[in-house]
N, C-alpha and C. Protein backbone atom coordinates (compact mmCIF):
# COMPACT_ATOMS: atom_id res chain seq x y z
N MET A 1 77.56 139.82 100.94
CA MET A 1 76.52 138.86 101.29
C MET A 1 77.04 137.45 101.01
N VAL A 2 76.68 136.54 101.89
CA VAL A 2 77.09 135.14 101.75
C VAL A 2 75.84 134.28 101.64
N THR A 3 75.86 133.33 100.74
CA THR A 3 74.76 132.37 100.61
C THR A 3 75.30 130.99 100.95
N LEU A 4 74.67 130.36 101.93
CA LEU A 4 75.04 129.00 102.34
C LEU A 4 74.05 128.02 101.72
N TYR A 5 74.58 126.98 101.10
CA TYR A 5 73.76 125.92 100.52
C TYR A 5 73.98 124.65 101.33
N THR A 6 72.88 123.99 101.71
CA THR A 6 72.97 122.76 102.49
C THR A 6 72.15 121.67 101.85
N TRP A 7 72.78 120.53 101.63
CA TRP A 7 72.11 119.33 101.14
C TRP A 7 72.07 118.34 102.29
N LEU A 8 70.90 117.86 102.64
CA LEU A 8 70.79 116.78 103.62
C LEU A 8 71.12 115.47 102.91
N PRO A 9 71.44 114.41 103.66
CA PRO A 9 71.71 113.13 102.99
C PRO A 9 70.55 112.76 102.06
N ALA A 10 70.89 112.25 100.90
CA ALA A 10 69.86 111.90 99.91
C ALA A 10 69.00 110.76 100.44
N PRO A 11 67.68 110.98 100.56
CA PRO A 11 66.80 109.91 101.03
C PRO A 11 66.64 108.83 99.95
N PRO A 12 66.37 107.59 100.37
CA PRO A 12 66.27 106.49 99.41
C PRO A 12 65.28 106.74 98.26
N HIS A 13 64.14 107.37 98.53
CA HIS A 13 63.17 107.59 97.45
C HIS A 13 63.73 108.55 96.39
N THR A 14 64.61 109.47 96.78
CA THR A 14 65.23 110.37 95.81
C THR A 14 66.25 109.61 94.97
N VAL A 15 67.04 108.80 95.64
CA VAL A 15 68.07 108.03 94.95
C VAL A 15 67.44 107.09 93.93
N LEU A 16 66.42 106.35 94.37
CA LEU A 16 65.77 105.39 93.47
C LEU A 16 64.88 106.07 92.44
N GLY A 17 64.11 107.05 92.87
CA GLY A 17 63.15 107.70 91.98
C GLY A 17 63.78 108.59 90.94
N GLU A 18 64.87 109.26 91.29
CA GLU A 18 65.50 110.20 90.36
C GLU A 18 66.79 109.66 89.76
N GLY A 19 67.20 108.46 90.20
CA GLY A 19 68.38 107.84 89.64
C GLY A 19 69.69 108.56 89.95
N ILE A 20 69.78 109.17 91.13
CA ILE A 20 71.03 109.84 91.50
C ILE A 20 71.81 108.97 92.48
N MET A 21 73.07 109.27 92.62
CA MET A 21 73.95 108.54 93.52
C MET A 21 73.64 108.90 94.97
N PRO A 22 73.59 107.91 95.87
CA PRO A 22 73.41 108.23 97.29
C PRO A 22 74.55 109.12 97.77
N ASP A 23 74.24 109.99 98.72
CA ASP A 23 75.28 110.84 99.28
C ASP A 23 75.00 111.10 100.75
N MET A 24 75.97 111.67 101.43
CA MET A 24 75.85 111.95 102.86
C MET A 24 75.51 113.41 103.12
N GLY A 25 75.09 114.12 102.09
CA GLY A 25 74.81 115.54 102.24
C GLY A 25 76.04 116.36 101.88
N HIS A 26 75.88 117.68 101.89
CA HIS A 26 76.98 118.55 101.49
C HIS A 26 76.69 119.97 101.94
N SER A 27 77.72 120.76 102.07
CA SER A 27 77.61 122.19 102.37
C SER A 27 78.54 122.96 101.44
N SER A 28 78.06 124.10 100.96
CA SER A 28 78.90 124.98 100.16
C SER A 28 78.43 126.41 100.40
N LEU A 29 79.24 127.38 99.97
CA LEU A 29 78.80 128.76 100.11
C LEU A 29 79.28 129.60 98.96
N LEU A 30 78.53 130.67 98.73
CA LEU A 30 78.84 131.64 97.69
C LEU A 30 79.10 132.98 98.38
N ILE A 31 80.26 133.56 98.09
CA ILE A 31 80.58 134.89 98.61
C ILE A 31 80.30 135.87 97.48
N HIS A 32 79.32 136.74 97.71
CA HIS A 32 78.92 137.71 96.69
C HIS A 32 79.28 139.11 97.17
N ASP A 33 80.11 139.78 96.41
CA ASP A 33 80.51 141.15 96.74
C ASP A 33 79.46 142.11 96.19
N ASP A 34 78.62 142.65 97.09
CA ASP A 34 77.55 143.55 96.66
C ASP A 34 78.08 144.83 96.02
N SER A 35 79.31 145.20 96.33
CA SER A 35 79.87 146.44 95.77
C SER A 35 80.31 146.25 94.32
N GLY A 36 80.47 145.00 93.90
CA GLY A 36 80.90 144.72 92.54
C GLY A 36 82.39 144.87 92.31
N GLN A 37 83.16 145.06 93.38
CA GLN A 37 84.60 145.25 93.25
C GLN A 37 85.36 143.93 93.08
N GLN A 38 84.76 142.84 93.57
CA GLN A 38 85.40 141.53 93.44
C GLN A 38 84.43 140.55 92.80
N GLU A 39 84.97 139.54 92.16
CA GLU A 39 84.14 138.50 91.57
C GLU A 39 83.53 137.64 92.66
N ASP A 40 82.37 137.06 92.37
CA ASP A 40 81.78 136.10 93.30
C ASP A 40 82.75 134.93 93.45
N LEU A 41 82.74 134.32 94.63
CA LEU A 41 83.61 133.18 94.90
C LEU A 41 82.77 132.05 95.47
N TYR A 42 82.80 130.89 94.83
CA TYR A 42 82.04 129.72 95.27
C TYR A 42 82.99 128.79 96.01
N CYS A 43 82.61 128.39 97.23
CA CYS A 43 83.46 127.54 98.07
C CYS A 43 82.75 126.22 98.32
N SER A 44 83.31 125.14 97.79
CA SER A 44 82.72 123.81 97.91
C SER A 44 83.87 122.81 98.02
N PHE A 45 84.05 122.22 99.19
CA PHE A 45 85.21 121.38 99.48
C PHE A 45 84.91 119.91 99.19
N TRP A 46 85.72 119.30 98.34
CA TRP A 46 85.56 117.90 97.93
C TRP A 46 86.88 117.15 98.10
N PRO A 47 86.81 115.81 98.15
CA PRO A 47 88.04 115.02 98.25
C PRO A 47 88.97 115.25 97.06
N GLU A 48 90.25 115.03 97.30
CA GLU A 48 91.26 115.16 96.25
C GLU A 48 90.92 114.19 95.12
N MET A 49 91.30 114.55 93.92
CA MET A 49 91.00 113.72 92.75
C MET A 49 91.63 112.34 92.84
N GLU A 50 92.78 112.22 93.49
CA GLU A 50 93.47 110.93 93.55
C GLU A 50 93.21 110.17 94.85
N SER A 51 92.28 110.63 95.68
CA SER A 51 92.03 109.99 96.97
C SER A 51 91.24 108.68 96.81
N PRO A 52 91.34 107.77 97.77
CA PRO A 52 90.58 106.51 97.70
C PRO A 52 89.06 106.76 97.64
N ILE A 53 88.55 107.70 98.45
CA ILE A 53 87.11 107.97 98.43
C ILE A 53 86.68 108.48 97.06
N ARG A 54 87.51 109.28 96.44
CA ARG A 54 87.21 109.81 95.10
C ARG A 54 87.17 108.70 94.07
N ARG A 55 88.10 107.74 94.19
CA ARG A 55 88.14 106.63 93.23
C ARG A 55 86.87 105.80 93.29
N VAL A 56 86.36 105.58 94.51
CA VAL A 56 85.13 104.81 94.67
C VAL A 56 83.95 105.58 94.10
N VAL A 57 83.82 106.85 94.47
CA VAL A 57 82.71 107.67 94.00
C VAL A 57 82.74 107.86 92.49
N SER A 58 83.93 107.84 91.89
CA SER A 58 84.04 108.07 90.45
C SER A 58 83.34 106.98 89.63
N LEU A 59 83.06 105.85 90.24
CA LEU A 59 82.32 104.81 89.53
C LEU A 59 80.92 105.30 89.16
N TRP A 60 80.36 106.22 89.96
CA TRP A 60 79.01 106.74 89.73
C TRP A 60 79.00 108.21 89.35
N LYS A 61 79.93 108.97 89.91
CA LYS A 61 79.98 110.42 89.66
C LYS A 61 81.37 110.77 89.16
N ASN A 62 81.48 110.94 87.88
CA ASN A 62 82.80 111.17 87.28
C ASN A 62 83.09 112.67 87.19
N ARG A 63 83.88 113.16 88.13
CA ARG A 63 84.29 114.57 88.14
C ARG A 63 85.61 114.73 87.40
N THR A 64 85.78 115.89 86.78
CA THR A 64 87.05 116.18 86.12
C THR A 64 87.85 117.24 86.88
N VAL A 65 87.22 117.88 87.86
CA VAL A 65 87.89 118.86 88.72
C VAL A 65 87.54 118.56 90.17
N ARG A 66 88.38 119.04 91.09
CA ARG A 66 88.14 118.76 92.50
C ARG A 66 86.97 119.57 93.04
N HIS A 67 86.94 120.87 92.78
CA HIS A 67 85.92 121.75 93.35
C HIS A 67 85.10 122.41 92.24
N PRO A 68 83.76 122.40 92.37
CA PRO A 68 82.95 123.14 91.39
C PRO A 68 83.15 124.64 91.59
N GLU A 69 82.94 125.40 90.54
CA GLU A 69 83.13 126.85 90.62
C GLU A 69 81.83 127.63 90.74
N SER A 70 80.69 126.92 90.76
CA SER A 70 79.40 127.60 90.88
C SER A 70 78.35 126.62 91.40
N TYR A 71 77.26 127.20 91.87
CA TYR A 71 76.12 126.39 92.30
C TYR A 71 75.55 125.61 91.12
N ALA A 72 75.51 126.24 89.96
CA ALA A 72 74.99 125.57 88.76
C ALA A 72 75.83 124.33 88.43
N GLU A 73 77.14 124.45 88.53
CA GLU A 73 78.01 123.29 88.28
C GLU A 73 77.80 122.22 89.35
N GLU A 74 77.66 122.65 90.60
CA GLU A 74 77.45 121.72 91.72
C GLU A 74 76.17 120.90 91.54
N THR A 75 75.11 121.53 91.05
CA THR A 75 73.81 120.86 90.95
C THR A 75 73.55 120.23 89.59
N GLY A 76 74.36 120.54 88.61
CA GLY A 76 74.17 119.99 87.27
C GLY A 76 74.42 118.49 87.20
N ALA A 77 73.68 117.82 86.37
CA ALA A 77 73.78 116.36 86.25
C ALA A 77 75.09 115.90 85.65
N GLU A 78 75.73 116.72 84.82
CA GLU A 78 76.91 116.27 84.08
C GLU A 78 78.23 116.43 84.83
N ALA A 79 78.31 117.26 85.85
CA ALA A 79 79.59 117.55 86.49
C ALA A 79 80.02 116.53 87.54
N GLY A 80 79.10 115.72 88.06
CA GLY A 80 79.48 114.68 89.02
C GLY A 80 79.61 115.16 90.45
N PHE A 81 78.91 116.23 90.80
CA PHE A 81 78.94 116.69 92.20
C PHE A 81 77.60 116.31 92.85
N MET A 82 76.83 117.25 93.36
CA MET A 82 75.59 116.90 94.07
C MET A 82 74.47 116.48 93.12
N GLN A 83 74.38 117.05 91.97
CA GLN A 83 73.41 116.66 90.94
C GLN A 83 71.95 116.82 91.36
N ARG A 84 71.70 117.70 92.34
CA ARG A 84 70.34 118.00 92.78
C ARG A 84 70.37 119.35 93.50
N PRO A 85 69.22 120.03 93.58
CA PRO A 85 69.19 121.32 94.28
C PRO A 85 69.45 121.16 95.77
N ALA A 86 69.96 122.20 96.39
CA ALA A 86 70.19 122.19 97.84
C ALA A 86 68.85 122.13 98.57
N ASP A 87 68.86 121.51 99.73
CA ASP A 87 67.65 121.46 100.56
C ASP A 87 67.39 122.79 101.25
N TYR A 88 68.46 123.52 101.57
CA TYR A 88 68.35 124.82 102.24
C TYR A 88 69.27 125.82 101.57
N THR A 89 68.78 127.05 101.45
CA THR A 89 69.57 128.17 100.96
C THR A 89 69.39 129.30 101.95
N GLU A 90 70.48 129.75 102.56
CA GLU A 90 70.39 130.80 103.58
C GLU A 90 71.34 131.94 103.24
N ARG A 91 70.84 133.14 103.37
CA ARG A 91 71.66 134.34 103.15
C ARG A 91 72.13 134.86 104.50
N LEU A 92 73.42 135.11 104.59
CA LEU A 92 74.04 135.59 105.82
C LEU A 92 74.74 136.92 105.55
N SER A 93 74.44 137.91 106.35
CA SER A 93 75.10 139.20 106.17
C SER A 93 75.91 139.53 107.43
N GLY A 94 76.79 140.50 107.31
CA GLY A 94 77.59 140.92 108.45
C GLY A 94 78.81 140.06 108.72
N LEU A 95 79.15 139.18 107.79
CA LEU A 95 80.35 138.37 107.93
C LEU A 95 81.53 139.09 107.28
N ARG A 96 82.72 138.81 107.77
CA ARG A 96 83.94 139.39 107.18
C ARG A 96 84.27 138.60 105.92
N GLU A 97 83.81 139.11 104.79
CA GLU A 97 84.01 138.41 103.53
C GLU A 97 85.47 138.30 103.16
N ASP A 98 86.29 139.26 103.58
CA ASP A 98 87.72 139.17 103.32
C ASP A 98 88.31 137.94 104.01
N ARG A 99 87.85 137.65 105.22
CA ARG A 99 88.33 136.45 105.94
C ARG A 99 87.87 135.17 105.23
N LEU A 100 86.63 135.19 104.73
CA LEU A 100 86.14 134.02 104.00
C LEU A 100 86.98 133.76 102.75
N ARG A 101 87.23 134.79 101.99
CA ARG A 101 88.02 134.64 100.76
C ARG A 101 89.44 134.17 101.06
N GLN A 102 90.06 134.81 102.04
CA GLN A 102 91.43 134.44 102.41
C GLN A 102 91.47 133.01 102.95
N GLY A 103 90.53 132.68 103.81
CA GLY A 103 90.48 131.34 104.39
C GLY A 103 90.29 130.27 103.33
N TRP A 104 89.34 130.50 102.41
CA TRP A 104 89.09 129.51 101.35
C TRP A 104 90.33 129.31 100.49
N ASN A 105 90.99 130.38 100.14
CA ASN A 105 92.20 130.25 99.32
C ASN A 105 93.31 129.50 100.04
N GLN A 106 93.34 129.58 101.36
CA GLN A 106 94.37 128.88 102.13
C GLN A 106 94.05 127.41 102.33
N ILE A 107 92.78 127.04 102.41
CA ILE A 107 92.45 125.66 102.78
C ILE A 107 91.83 124.81 101.68
N LYS A 108 91.50 125.40 100.55
CA LYS A 108 90.76 124.63 99.54
C LYS A 108 91.53 123.44 98.99
N GLU A 109 92.84 123.45 99.05
CA GLU A 109 93.62 122.32 98.54
C GLU A 109 94.18 121.42 99.65
N THR A 110 93.68 121.60 100.88
CA THR A 110 94.12 120.73 101.97
C THR A 110 93.49 119.34 101.81
N ASP A 111 94.03 118.36 102.50
CA ASP A 111 93.55 116.99 102.40
C ASP A 111 92.18 116.83 103.04
N TYR A 112 91.29 116.16 102.33
CA TYR A 112 89.93 115.86 102.79
C TYR A 112 90.01 114.68 103.76
N GLU A 113 89.29 114.76 104.85
CA GLU A 113 89.21 113.66 105.82
C GLU A 113 87.74 113.57 106.24
N LEU A 114 87.06 112.50 105.87
CA LEU A 114 85.63 112.37 106.08
C LEU A 114 85.21 112.64 107.53
N SER A 115 85.95 112.12 108.48
CA SER A 115 85.52 112.25 109.88
C SER A 115 85.83 113.60 110.51
N SER A 116 86.84 114.31 110.02
CA SER A 116 87.24 115.53 110.73
C SER A 116 87.47 116.77 109.87
N TRP A 117 87.65 116.62 108.57
CA TRP A 117 87.93 117.78 107.72
C TRP A 117 87.20 117.57 106.39
N ASN A 118 85.88 117.73 106.45
CA ASN A 118 85.03 117.51 105.30
C ASN A 118 84.38 118.83 104.87
N CYS A 119 83.44 118.78 103.96
CA CYS A 119 82.81 120.01 103.47
C CYS A 119 82.19 120.82 104.60
N ALA A 120 81.52 120.16 105.52
CA ALA A 120 80.85 120.86 106.61
C ALA A 120 81.83 121.46 107.61
N SER A 121 82.85 120.71 107.99
CA SER A 121 83.81 121.25 108.96
C SER A 121 84.61 122.41 108.36
N VAL A 122 84.91 122.35 107.07
CA VAL A 122 85.61 123.45 106.40
C VAL A 122 84.73 124.71 106.42
N LEU A 123 83.44 124.55 106.07
CA LEU A 123 82.56 125.71 106.05
C LEU A 123 82.29 126.25 107.44
N GLN A 124 82.15 125.37 108.41
CA GLN A 124 81.95 125.85 109.78
C GLN A 124 83.18 126.65 110.22
N CYS A 125 84.35 126.17 109.91
CA CYS A 125 85.59 126.89 110.23
C CYS A 125 85.61 128.26 109.55
N LEU A 126 85.27 128.30 108.27
CA LEU A 126 85.26 129.56 107.54
C LEU A 126 84.24 130.54 108.12
N LEU A 127 83.03 130.05 108.40
CA LEU A 127 81.99 130.93 108.93
C LEU A 127 82.36 131.49 110.29
N VAL A 128 82.88 130.64 111.16
CA VAL A 128 83.28 131.11 112.49
C VAL A 128 84.40 132.14 112.38
N ALA A 129 85.37 131.88 111.50
CA ALA A 129 86.48 132.83 111.33
C ALA A 129 86.00 134.16 110.77
N ALA A 130 84.88 134.15 110.04
CA ALA A 130 84.37 135.38 109.43
C ALA A 130 83.45 136.17 110.36
N MET A 131 83.13 135.61 111.52
CA MET A 131 82.26 136.30 112.48
C MET A 131 83.09 137.17 113.42
N GLU A 132 82.54 138.33 113.72
CA GLU A 132 83.13 139.14 114.78
C GLU A 132 82.89 138.40 116.08
N ARG A 133 83.74 138.60 117.07
CA ARG A 133 83.70 137.84 118.32
C ARG A 133 82.32 137.85 118.97
N GLU A 134 81.70 139.01 119.07
CA GLU A 134 80.39 139.09 119.73
C GLU A 134 79.31 138.34 118.97
N ARG A 135 79.43 138.30 117.66
CA ARG A 135 78.45 137.53 116.87
C ARG A 135 78.66 136.03 117.09
N TYR A 136 79.91 135.60 117.11
CA TYR A 136 80.18 134.19 117.37
C TYR A 136 79.65 133.78 118.75
N GLU A 137 79.90 134.60 119.75
CA GLU A 137 79.44 134.28 121.10
C GLU A 137 77.92 134.17 121.18
N ALA A 138 77.22 134.91 120.34
CA ALA A 138 75.76 134.86 120.33
C ALA A 138 75.22 133.57 119.72
N VAL A 139 76.00 132.90 118.88
CA VAL A 139 75.49 131.72 118.17
C VAL A 139 76.31 130.45 118.42
N GLN A 140 77.32 130.50 119.26
CA GLN A 140 78.24 129.37 119.40
C GLN A 140 77.56 128.07 119.84
N ASP A 141 76.50 128.16 120.63
CA ASP A 141 75.82 126.94 121.06
C ASP A 141 75.18 126.19 119.90
N ALA A 142 74.89 126.88 118.82
CA ALA A 142 74.29 126.23 117.66
C ALA A 142 75.28 125.34 116.92
N ALA A 143 76.54 125.44 117.23
CA ALA A 143 77.55 124.63 116.56
C ALA A 143 77.71 123.26 117.21
N THR A 144 76.94 122.97 118.26
CA THR A 144 77.00 121.66 118.91
C THR A 144 75.79 120.84 118.51
N CYS A 145 75.84 119.54 118.73
CA CYS A 145 74.78 118.64 118.28
C CYS A 145 74.45 117.62 119.36
N SER A 146 73.16 117.29 119.49
CA SER A 146 72.73 116.24 120.43
C SER A 146 71.59 115.45 119.81
N LEU A 147 71.19 114.36 120.46
CA LEU A 147 70.11 113.54 119.93
C LEU A 147 68.79 114.31 119.88
N SER A 148 68.61 115.31 120.73
CA SER A 148 67.38 116.09 120.69
C SER A 148 67.27 116.92 119.42
N ASP A 149 68.34 116.99 118.65
CA ASP A 149 68.34 117.75 117.41
C ASP A 149 67.83 116.94 116.22
N LEU A 150 67.37 115.72 116.43
CA LEU A 150 66.93 114.89 115.30
C LEU A 150 65.89 115.59 114.44
N GLY A 151 64.91 116.20 115.08
CA GLY A 151 63.87 116.88 114.31
C GLY A 151 64.40 118.07 113.56
N GLU A 152 65.42 118.71 114.08
CA GLU A 152 66.00 119.88 113.42
C GLU A 152 66.96 119.47 112.29
N ALA A 153 67.35 118.22 112.26
CA ALA A 153 68.34 117.78 111.28
C ALA A 153 67.72 117.13 110.05
N GLY A 154 66.45 117.39 109.82
CA GLY A 154 65.82 116.87 108.62
C GLY A 154 65.16 115.53 108.78
N VAL A 155 65.11 114.98 110.01
CA VAL A 155 64.45 113.71 110.23
C VAL A 155 62.97 114.02 110.48
N LYS A 156 62.12 113.69 109.54
CA LYS A 156 60.70 114.01 109.61
C LYS A 156 59.92 112.83 110.22
N ASP A 157 59.05 113.15 111.15
CA ASP A 157 58.14 112.17 111.75
C ASP A 157 58.85 110.91 112.23
N ALA A 158 60.01 111.09 112.80
CA ALA A 158 60.80 109.99 113.36
C ALA A 158 60.97 108.84 112.36
N GLU A 159 61.14 109.16 111.11
CA GLU A 159 61.39 108.16 110.07
C GLU A 159 62.59 107.32 110.49
N ILE A 160 62.41 106.04 110.65
CA ILE A 160 63.46 105.18 111.19
C ILE A 160 64.71 105.20 110.32
N GLY A 161 64.53 105.22 109.01
CA GLY A 161 65.70 105.28 108.14
C GLY A 161 66.49 106.56 108.35
N GLY A 162 65.79 107.66 108.52
CA GLY A 162 66.45 108.94 108.77
C GLY A 162 67.16 108.95 110.11
N VAL A 163 66.51 108.38 111.12
CA VAL A 163 67.13 108.31 112.45
C VAL A 163 68.41 107.47 112.39
N LEU A 164 68.34 106.34 111.71
CA LEU A 164 69.52 105.48 111.61
C LEU A 164 70.64 106.15 110.83
N ARG A 165 70.28 106.82 109.72
CA ARG A 165 71.30 107.55 108.94
C ARG A 165 71.96 108.61 109.81
N TYR A 166 71.12 109.35 110.55
CA TYR A 166 71.63 110.42 111.39
C TYR A 166 72.58 109.86 112.46
N LEU A 167 72.15 108.82 113.15
CA LEU A 167 72.98 108.24 114.22
C LEU A 167 74.26 107.64 113.66
N ALA A 168 74.15 106.96 112.51
CA ALA A 168 75.34 106.33 111.93
C ALA A 168 76.38 107.37 111.55
N THR A 169 75.96 108.43 110.93
CA THR A 169 76.93 109.43 110.50
C THR A 169 77.43 110.28 111.65
N SER A 170 76.59 110.51 112.66
CA SER A 170 77.04 111.38 113.75
C SER A 170 78.13 110.70 114.59
N LYS A 171 78.16 109.39 114.60
CA LYS A 171 79.21 108.67 115.32
C LYS A 171 80.55 108.76 114.59
N LEU A 172 80.48 108.91 113.28
CA LEU A 172 81.69 108.90 112.47
C LEU A 172 82.20 110.29 112.09
N ILE A 173 81.29 111.23 112.00
CA ILE A 173 81.63 112.52 111.43
C ILE A 173 81.47 113.61 112.46
N GLY A 174 82.53 114.37 112.69
CA GLY A 174 82.52 115.43 113.69
C GLY A 174 81.63 116.60 113.33
N CYS A 175 81.51 116.93 112.07
CA CYS A 175 80.68 118.05 111.64
C CYS A 175 79.98 117.64 110.35
N ARG A 176 78.65 117.76 110.35
CA ARG A 176 77.84 117.36 109.20
C ARG A 176 77.15 118.58 108.59
N PRO A 177 76.65 118.47 107.38
CA PRO A 177 75.94 119.60 106.77
C PRO A 177 74.81 120.13 107.66
N GLU A 178 74.10 119.24 108.35
CA GLU A 178 73.02 119.68 109.24
C GLU A 178 73.54 120.61 110.33
N ASP A 179 74.77 120.37 110.78
CA ASP A 179 75.35 121.22 111.83
C ASP A 179 75.63 122.62 111.31
N VAL A 180 76.10 122.73 110.08
CA VAL A 180 76.36 124.03 109.49
C VAL A 180 75.03 124.76 109.24
N HIS A 181 74.03 124.02 108.82
CA HIS A 181 72.69 124.60 108.63
C HIS A 181 72.16 125.16 109.95
N ARG A 182 72.30 124.42 111.03
CA ARG A 182 71.85 124.89 112.34
C ARG A 182 72.59 126.17 112.75
N LEU A 183 73.87 126.22 112.51
CA LEU A 183 74.65 127.42 112.81
C LEU A 183 74.13 128.60 111.99
N ALA A 184 73.85 128.38 110.72
CA ALA A 184 73.33 129.46 109.85
C ALA A 184 71.96 129.93 110.32
N GLU A 185 71.11 129.00 110.72
CA GLU A 185 69.79 129.39 111.23
C GLU A 185 69.91 130.25 112.48
N ALA A 186 70.78 129.86 113.39
CA ALA A 186 70.98 130.64 114.61
C ALA A 186 71.54 132.02 114.28
N TYR A 187 72.45 132.07 113.33
CA TYR A 187 73.04 133.34 112.92
C TYR A 187 71.97 134.25 112.31
N GLN A 188 71.15 133.69 111.43
CA GLN A 188 70.08 134.47 110.80
C GLN A 188 69.08 134.99 111.85
N ALA A 189 68.76 134.16 112.84
CA ALA A 189 67.82 134.58 113.87
C ALA A 189 68.39 135.74 114.70
N ALA A 190 69.68 135.66 115.01
CA ALA A 190 70.32 136.70 115.82
C ALA A 190 70.66 137.95 115.00
N PHE A 191 71.00 137.73 113.72
CA PHE A 191 71.44 138.83 112.85
C PHE A 191 70.74 138.68 111.49
N PRO A 192 69.47 139.09 111.40
CA PRO A 192 68.73 138.93 110.14
C PRO A 192 69.45 139.60 108.97
N PRO A 193 69.33 138.99 107.77
CA PRO A 193 69.97 139.58 106.60
C PRO A 193 69.49 141.02 106.39
N GLU A 194 70.39 141.86 105.94
CA GLU A 194 70.05 143.28 105.73
C GLU A 194 69.31 143.48 104.44
């Protein structure tokens, strides 16, 4: 069983009201071996410790490791990652967990690139690689994004700030956490968790 965690970009009232650092959202997943033969594996892709983006973020979120090893570490206030609960938690079954584990081990230390190789694009790549061909074909349209998806991407009641955040990031970033969430929703609808 796989659990996907999705954080939408932190809205201003959360940043100001709870005193957390603004963020652009995030995606991570937990691979849980129901048979108990392998340890759980948490996959959460972050910039390299020595990268320019990391140096800027370290002024507010001081991490000591590149990738958290659990959801608790990811959401905890002291570790310097998301520091808040995920907006969405989705369970996905029927994925090739061996492909997820192998893929994560191969790519977790690759270079982070905000526009093309970020947390969401890494997870989308892993999820697609873990799907059997017929399952991917059933949900592949959910991996694309258009302006009509504003309501599905967490923008409530056409909130202008949300619309602007969405448009600003969609021009810069090829794959966002909202896109991975949409793919997971389509997958769950086509293949409900067992």
